[in-house]
Amino acid sequence: MDTKKIKFKPGHHLLKPFIPRKLKEVIKDIVSRVEDVGSQSRRELLFGENEPLVPPLRMMFEGPRDYELFKENGREFFEYLRRFCDLQPNHKILDIGCGIGRKTLPLITYLNEQGSYDGVDIVEKGVEWLRAKVGTKHPNFRFHLTDVSNGYYNAQGEIKAVNYKFPFPDNTFDIMLMGSVFTQMLTDEVENYLAEVARVLKPGGQSFITYFLLNEEAERLVSEGKGTLRLKHRVGKCRVEDKNSVADSVAHQEADMRALYERCGFNIKDKIHYGFWCGRESYTSYEDFIIAVKR
């Protein structure tokens, strides 16, 4: 994407570490409910005939509560899939952590009847909303609720991420998409999920996964306070933002992830695409991402 279009609010990232997450969510909810009043014309202008498929701001539990950024986030991922994964209208796509549909919306008018989209998430209200608004009109778009435990989104979940098995047969999908999921998981959980990604992808299928990756450059920039995350605490080989909520922001060692991809039967495609999160001057997106091909 055009990095000049990324929007950052002055002081936002400086204050972020000092505001309790629950308080931030309360503030966001109040602001979004006020902004939702009388906003239909604004949504129609931005999304046209897809406006009924766009959630109100108060439903945007993941990512920024902003219609322009909702559209931009979706467009960004769609363009990456087209550019780096050669996305085709007949592809079968799996989106782990589909949220409230940011990545879903651009695919609705792109995939044909032979293509399909399966979105999986742990937040019930998001899955129910997507089933009602998208799934009922587009039967090749399916949404699945799973009860995986997550310290913030699903603290009472019965399934541990380290034991979770994707509810799909082997060799099913052409593309697997996972945005801001491994940034909330520790090493053993990531190992299990990537093995599952390898299982459900077809041979030659591609995975698109975002990370906070630690390498020499990222470590230096973080230590200099250049990035948006402090990552002062270590949990195993990972570094985390909040030792009391380790699933908030998790950074993984790049070398460990490269080795894991190799063990799981992937070839990393072209190169790793690095992000702005640590304060780089040259970057592709906010988070790092890896595109890999199943051997």
Protein backbone atom coordinates (compact mmCIF):
# COMPACT_ATOMS: atom_id res chain seq x y z
CA MET A 1 0.00 0.00 0.00
CA ASP A 2 0.98 3.65 -0.25
CA THR A 3 2.67 4.14 3.11
CA LYS A 4 2.00 7.86 3.01
CA LYS A 5 -1.70 7.11 3.48
CA ILE A 6 -1.26 5.39 6.83
CA LYS A 7 -2.99 7.45 9.49
CA PHE A 8 -1.49 7.95 12.93
CA LYS A 9 -3.04 10.18 15.55
CA PRO A 10 -0.53 12.54 17.20
CA GLY A 11 0.56 11.20 20.55
CA HIS A 12 -1.58 8.08 20.23
CA HIS A 13 1.28 5.58 20.30
CA LEU A 14 3.11 7.46 23.04
CA LEU A 15 0.09 7.30 25.34
CA LYS A 16 -1.01 3.79 24.42
CA PRO A 17 1.24 1.88 26.88
CA PHE A 18 -0.12 3.89 29.83
CA ILE A 19 -3.86 3.45 29.18
CA PRO A 20 -5.43 0.22 30.49
CA ARG A 21 -6.84 -1.80 27.61
CA LYS A 22 -10.33 -2.12 29.12
CA LEU A 23 -10.50 1.65 29.60
CA LYS A 24 -9.46 2.18 25.98
CA GLU A 25 -12.29 -0.10 24.86
CA VAL A 26 -14.85 1.80 26.96
CA ILE A 27 -13.69 5.10 25.46
CA LYS A 28 -13.77 3.66 21.93
CA ASP A 29 -17.28 2.30 22.47
CA ILE A 30 -18.64 5.64 23.67
CA VAL A 31 -17.03 7.54 20.80
CA SER A 32 -18.18 5.03 18.18
CA ARG A 33 -21.78 5.03 19.38
CA VAL A 34 -21.87 8.82 19.05
CA GLU A 35 -20.28 8.69 15.58
CA ASP A 36 -22.69 5.97 14.42
CA VAL A 37 -25.64 8.32 14.79
CA GLY A 38 -26.58 9.60 11.35
CA SER A 39 -23.63 7.86 9.65
CA GLN A 40 -25.53 5.82 7.04
CA SER A 41 -25.02 8.38 4.28
CA ARG A 42 -21.30 8.37 5.03
CA ARG A 43 -21.17 4.56 4.76
CA GLU A 44 -23.12 4.64 1.51
CA LEU A 45 -20.68 7.13 0.05
CA LEU A 46 -17.69 4.97 1.02
CA PHE A 47 -19.04 1.50 0.25
CA GLY A 48 -21.83 1.96 -2.29
CA GLU A 49 -24.01 -1.14 -2.70
CA ASN A 50 -21.90 -2.99 -0.10
CA GLU A 51 -22.95 -0.58 2.65
CA PRO A 52 -25.37 -3.09 4.28
CA LEU A 53 -22.41 -5.46 4.72
CA VAL A 54 -20.38 -2.91 6.71
CA PRO A 55 -20.70 -3.17 10.50
CA PRO A 56 -21.51 -0.13 12.63
CA LEU A 57 -18.53 1.32 14.43
CA ARG A 58 -19.57 -0.14 17.77
CA MET A 59 -19.26 -3.65 16.27
CA MET A 60 -15.63 -3.15 15.21
CA PHE A 61 -14.03 -5.03 18.09
CA GLU A 62 -10.70 -5.55 16.26
CA GLY A 63 -8.74 -2.79 14.61
CA PRO A 64 -9.59 0.90 14.43
CA ARG A 65 -13.22 1.97 14.68
CA ASP A 66 -13.25 4.10 11.58
CA TYR A 67 -15.07 3.57 8.28
CA GLU A 68 -12.27 4.91 6.08
CA LEU A 69 -9.72 2.69 7.81
CA PHE A 70 -12.09 -0.29 7.68
CA LYS A 71 -12.24 0.11 3.91
CA GLU A 72 -8.49 0.78 3.63
CA ASN A 73 -7.59 -2.26 5.76
CA GLY A 74 -9.66 -4.50 3.52
CA ARG A 75 -8.29 -2.96 0.33
CA GLU A 76 -4.73 -3.35 1.61
CA PHE A 77 -5.05 -7.09 2.27
CA PHE A 78 -6.92 -7.62 -1.01
CA GLU A 79 -4.16 -5.91 -2.99
CA TYR A 80 -1.52 -7.97 -1.20
CA LEU A 81 -3.36 -11.17 -2.07
CA ARG A 82 -3.59 -10.13 -5.71
CA ARG A 83 -0.01 -8.91 -5.92
CA PHE A 84 1.88 -11.47 -3.86
CA CYS A 85 -0.35 -14.57 -3.91
CA ASP A 86 -1.83 -14.33 -7.41
CA LEU A 87 -5.35 -14.48 -5.98
CA GLN A 88 -7.86 -15.86 -8.50
CA PRO A 89 -11.70 -15.66 -8.49
CA ASN A 90 -12.00 -19.45 -8.15
CA HIS A 91 -9.68 -19.79 -5.17
CA LYS A 92 -10.76 -21.32 -1.88
CA ILE A 93 -9.70 -19.02 0.97
CA LEU A 94 -9.40 -19.65 4.70
CA ASP A 95 -9.24 -16.63 7.00
CA ILE A 96 -8.26 -17.50 10.57
CA GLY A 97 -9.22 -14.54 12.77
CA CYS A 98 -11.72 -13.04 10.34
CA GLY A 99 -12.92 -10.55 12.97
CA ILE A 100 -15.81 -8.43 11.80
CA GLY A 101 -15.05 -8.76 8.10
CA ARG A 102 -12.38 -6.21 7.22
CA LYS A 103 -10.61 -8.67 4.93
CA THR A 104 -13.88 -10.26 3.79
CA LEU A 105 -15.66 -7.36 2.11
CA PRO A 106 -13.43 -6.88 -1.00
CA LEU A 107 -13.59 -10.62 -1.73
CA ILE A 108 -17.39 -10.69 -1.96
CA THR A 109 -17.46 -9.08 -5.39
CA TYR A 110 -14.25 -10.80 -6.54
CA LEU A 111 -14.71 -14.51 -5.90
CA ASN A 112 -16.90 -16.39 -8.38
CA GLU A 113 -19.21 -19.37 -7.76
CA GLN A 114 -16.27 -21.78 -7.85
CA GLY A 115 -14.40 -19.73 -5.25
CA SER A 116 -15.17 -19.78 -1.54
CA TYR A 117 -14.29 -18.09 1.72
CA ASP A 118 -14.28 -19.65 5.19
CA GLY A 119 -13.77 -17.25 8.07
CA VAL A 120 -13.00 -18.48 11.60
CA ASP A 121 -13.11 -16.39 14.76
CA ILE A 122 -13.49 -16.68 18.53
CA VAL A 123 -15.77 -13.65 19.01
CA GLU A 124 -19.38 -14.80 18.84
CA LYS A 125 -20.97 -11.43 18.04
CA GLY A 126 -18.69 -11.01 15.04
CA VAL A 127 -19.38 -14.47 13.62
CA GLU A 128 -23.13 -14.09 14.14
CA TRP A 129 -23.16 -10.68 12.44
CA LEU A 130 -21.19 -11.99 9.43
CA ARG A 131 -23.42 -15.04 9.11
CA ALA A 132 -26.54 -12.87 9.13
CA LYS A 133 -25.30 -10.06 6.87
CA VAL A 134 -22.90 -11.83 4.50
CA GLY A 135 -23.49 -15.59 4.70
CA THR A 136 -27.24 -15.41 4.05
CA LYS A 137 -26.68 -13.48 0.80
CA HIS A 138 -23.50 -15.22 -0.33
CA PRO A 139 -23.62 -18.96 0.44
CA ASN A 140 -20.02 -19.53 -0.62
CA PHE A 141 -18.99 -17.28 2.30
CA ARG A 142 -19.10 -19.32 5.51
CA PHE A 143 -18.28 -18.24 9.05
CA HIS A 144 -17.25 -20.53 11.90
CA LEU A 145 -17.20 -19.85 15.64
CA THR A 146 -14.51 -21.61 17.64
CA ASP A 147 -14.03 -21.63 21.41
CA VAL A 148 -10.26 -21.13 21.55
CA SER A 149 -9.08 -19.38 24.69
CA ASN A 150 -7.65 -15.88 24.34
CA GLY A 151 -6.76 -13.63 27.25
CA TYR A 152 -8.62 -10.65 25.84
CA TYR A 153 -11.25 -11.76 23.32
CA ASN A 154 -12.31 -15.11 24.80
CA ALA A 155 -10.82 -15.58 28.24
CA GLN A 156 -13.22 -18.42 29.16
CA GLY A 157 -12.58 -20.41 25.99
CA GLU A 158 -12.37 -24.16 26.58
CA ILE A 159 -9.84 -24.98 23.84
CA LYS A 160 -6.19 -24.04 24.26
CA ALA A 161 -4.58 -22.67 21.11
CA VAL A 162 -1.73 -25.15 21.45
CA ASN A 163 -4.24 -28.01 21.02
CA TYR A 164 -6.64 -26.50 18.47
CA LYS A 165 -7.31 -28.35 15.21
CA PHE A 166 -8.78 -26.42 12.31
CA PRO A 167 -12.25 -27.82 11.47
CA PHE A 168 -11.42 -28.58 7.84
CA PRO A 169 -10.11 -31.59 5.88
CA ASP A 170 -6.54 -31.91 4.65
CA ASN A 171 -5.54 -30.22 1.38
CA THR A 172 -8.64 -28.00 1.14
CA PHE A 173 -7.57 -24.39 0.56
CA ASP A 174 -5.61 -22.45 -2.03
CA ILE A 175 -4.84 -19.48 0.26
CA MET A 176 -4.78 -19.15 4.03
CA LEU A 177 -4.90 -15.67 5.52
CA MET A 178 -4.05 -14.80 9.13
CA GLY A 179 -3.77 -11.15 10.16
CA SER A 180 -2.81 -10.09 13.71
CA VAL A 181 -3.21 -13.61 15.12
CA PHE A 182 0.39 -14.69 15.71
CA THR A 183 0.99 -11.25 17.23
CA GLN A 184 -1.15 -12.54 20.11
CA MET A 185 0.30 -16.03 20.46
CA LEU A 186 3.35 -17.56 22.12
CA THR A 187 5.76 -19.96 20.45
CA ASP A 188 4.08 -23.31 21.17
CA GLU A 189 0.73 -21.95 19.98
CA VAL A 190 2.26 -20.62 16.77
CA GLU A 191 3.92 -23.99 16.15
CA ASN A 192 0.57 -25.78 16.40
CA TYR A 193 -1.28 -23.31 14.18
CA LEU A 194 1.35 -23.32 11.45
CA ALA A 195 1.28 -27.12 11.38
CA GLU A 196 -2.49 -26.89 10.94
CA VAL A 197 -2.06 -24.33 8.16
CA ALA A 198 0.22 -26.79 6.37
CA ARG A 199 -2.33 -29.57 6.82
CA VAL A 200 -5.36 -27.76 5.35
CA LEU A 201 -3.54 -26.06 2.45
CA LYS A 202 -3.34 -27.82 -0.89
CA PRO A 203 0.17 -28.61 -2.17
CA GLY A 204 1.29 -25.35 -3.78
CA GLY A 205 -1.17 -23.41 -1.61
CA GLN A 206 -0.02 -20.19 -0.01
CA SER A 207 -0.15 -18.80 3.51
CA PHE A 208 -0.23 -15.07 4.26
CA ILE A 209 0.53 -14.41 7.94
CA THR A 210 1.42 -11.20 9.78
CA TYR A 211 3.93 -10.91 12.65
CA PHE A 212 6.07 -8.71 14.81
CA LEU A 213 9.44 -10.23 13.89
CA LEU A 214 12.59 -9.65 15.89
CA ASN A 215 15.87 -9.42 14.01
CA GLU A 216 18.95 -7.25 14.48
CA GLU A 217 17.33 -4.16 12.97
CA ALA A 218 14.05 -4.51 14.85
CA GLU A 219 15.80 -5.17 18.17
CA ARG A 220 17.92 -2.04 17.74
CA LEU A 221 15.00 0.20 16.79
CA VAL A 222 12.84 -1.06 19.66
CA SER A 223 15.69 -0.53 22.14
CA GLU A 224 16.03 3.05 20.84
CA GLY A 225 12.31 3.66 21.38
CA LYS A 226 11.67 4.18 17.66
CA GLY A 227 8.69 1.83 17.34
CA THR A 228 5.08 1.77 18.50
CA LEU A 229 5.74 -1.11 20.91
CA ARG A 230 8.04 -1.27 23.93
CA LEU A 231 8.27 -5.07 24.28
CA LYS A 232 10.19 -4.86 27.54
CA HIS A 233 9.27 -8.30 28.82
CA ARG A 234 10.48 -11.74 27.73
CA VAL A 235 8.38 -14.88 27.77
CA GLY A 236 10.48 -17.76 26.52
CA LYS A 237 11.94 -16.69 23.18
CA CYS A 238 9.24 -14.06 22.68
CA ARG A 239 9.10 -10.45 23.75
CA VAL A 240 5.77 -9.04 24.92
CA GLU A 241 4.27 -5.64 25.56
CA ASP A 242 2.47 -6.46 28.81
CA LYS A 243 3.71 -9.22 31.13
CA ASN A 244 0.24 -9.32 32.74
CA SER A 245 -1.45 -9.89 29.38
CA VAL A 246 1.06 -11.77 27.27
CA ALA A 247 -1.38 -12.17 24.38
CA ASP A 248 -1.63 -8.40 23.85
CA SER A 249 1.39 -7.86 21.58
CA VAL A 250 3.85 -10.69 21.01
CA ALA A 251 7.05 -10.49 18.94
CA HIS A 252 8.79 -13.63 17.67
CA GLN A 253 12.38 -14.19 16.65
CA GLU A 254 12.64 -14.15 12.86
CA ALA A 255 15.20 -16.96 12.86
CA ASP A 256 12.83 -19.19 14.86
CA MET A 257 9.97 -18.53 12.46
CA ARG A 258 12.12 -19.28 9.42
CA ALA A 259 13.10 -22.61 10.97
CA LEU A 260 9.46 -23.37 11.83
CA TYR A 261 8.34 -22.77 8.24
CA GLU A 262 10.99 -25.19 7.05
CA ARG A 263 9.90 -27.87 9.53
CA CYS A 264 6.25 -27.46 8.51
CA GLY A 265 7.03 -27.98 4.83
CA PHE A 266 6.90 -24.40 3.53
CA ASN A 267 9.13 -22.36 1.28
CA ILE A 268 9.07 -18.64 2.09
CA LYS A 269 8.09 -16.86 -1.11
CA ASP A 270 10.45 -14.20 -2.42
CA LYS A 271 11.25 -12.41 0.85
CA ILE A 272 9.87 -11.36 4.23
CA HIS A 273 7.95 -8.09 3.99
CA TYR A 274 8.89 -5.91 6.95
CA GLY A 275 6.58 -3.46 8.73
CA PHE A 276 6.60 -0.06 10.36
CA TRP A 277 5.80 -1.32 13.87
CA CYS A 278 9.42 -1.11 15.06
CA GLY A 279 10.11 2.30 13.49
CA ARG A 280 11.61 1.38 10.12
CA GLU A 281 11.88 4.11 7.53
CA SER A 282 11.27 1.66 4.68
CA TYR A 283 8.38 -0.78 5.08
CA THR A 284 5.41 -2.42 3.36
CA SER A 285 2.69 -2.34 6.02
CA TYR A 286 2.39 -1.84 9.78
CA GLU A 287 3.08 -5.47 10.70
CA ASP A 288 5.63 -7.74 9.10
CA PHE A 289 4.23 -10.49 6.92
CA ILE A 290 5.43 -13.76 5.46
CA ILE A 291 4.01 -15.39 2.36
CA ALA A 292 4.93 -19.05 2.06
CA VAL A 293 4.16 -21.90 -0.34
CA LYS A 294 3.37 -25.42 0.83
CA ARG A 295 5.74 -27.91 -0.72
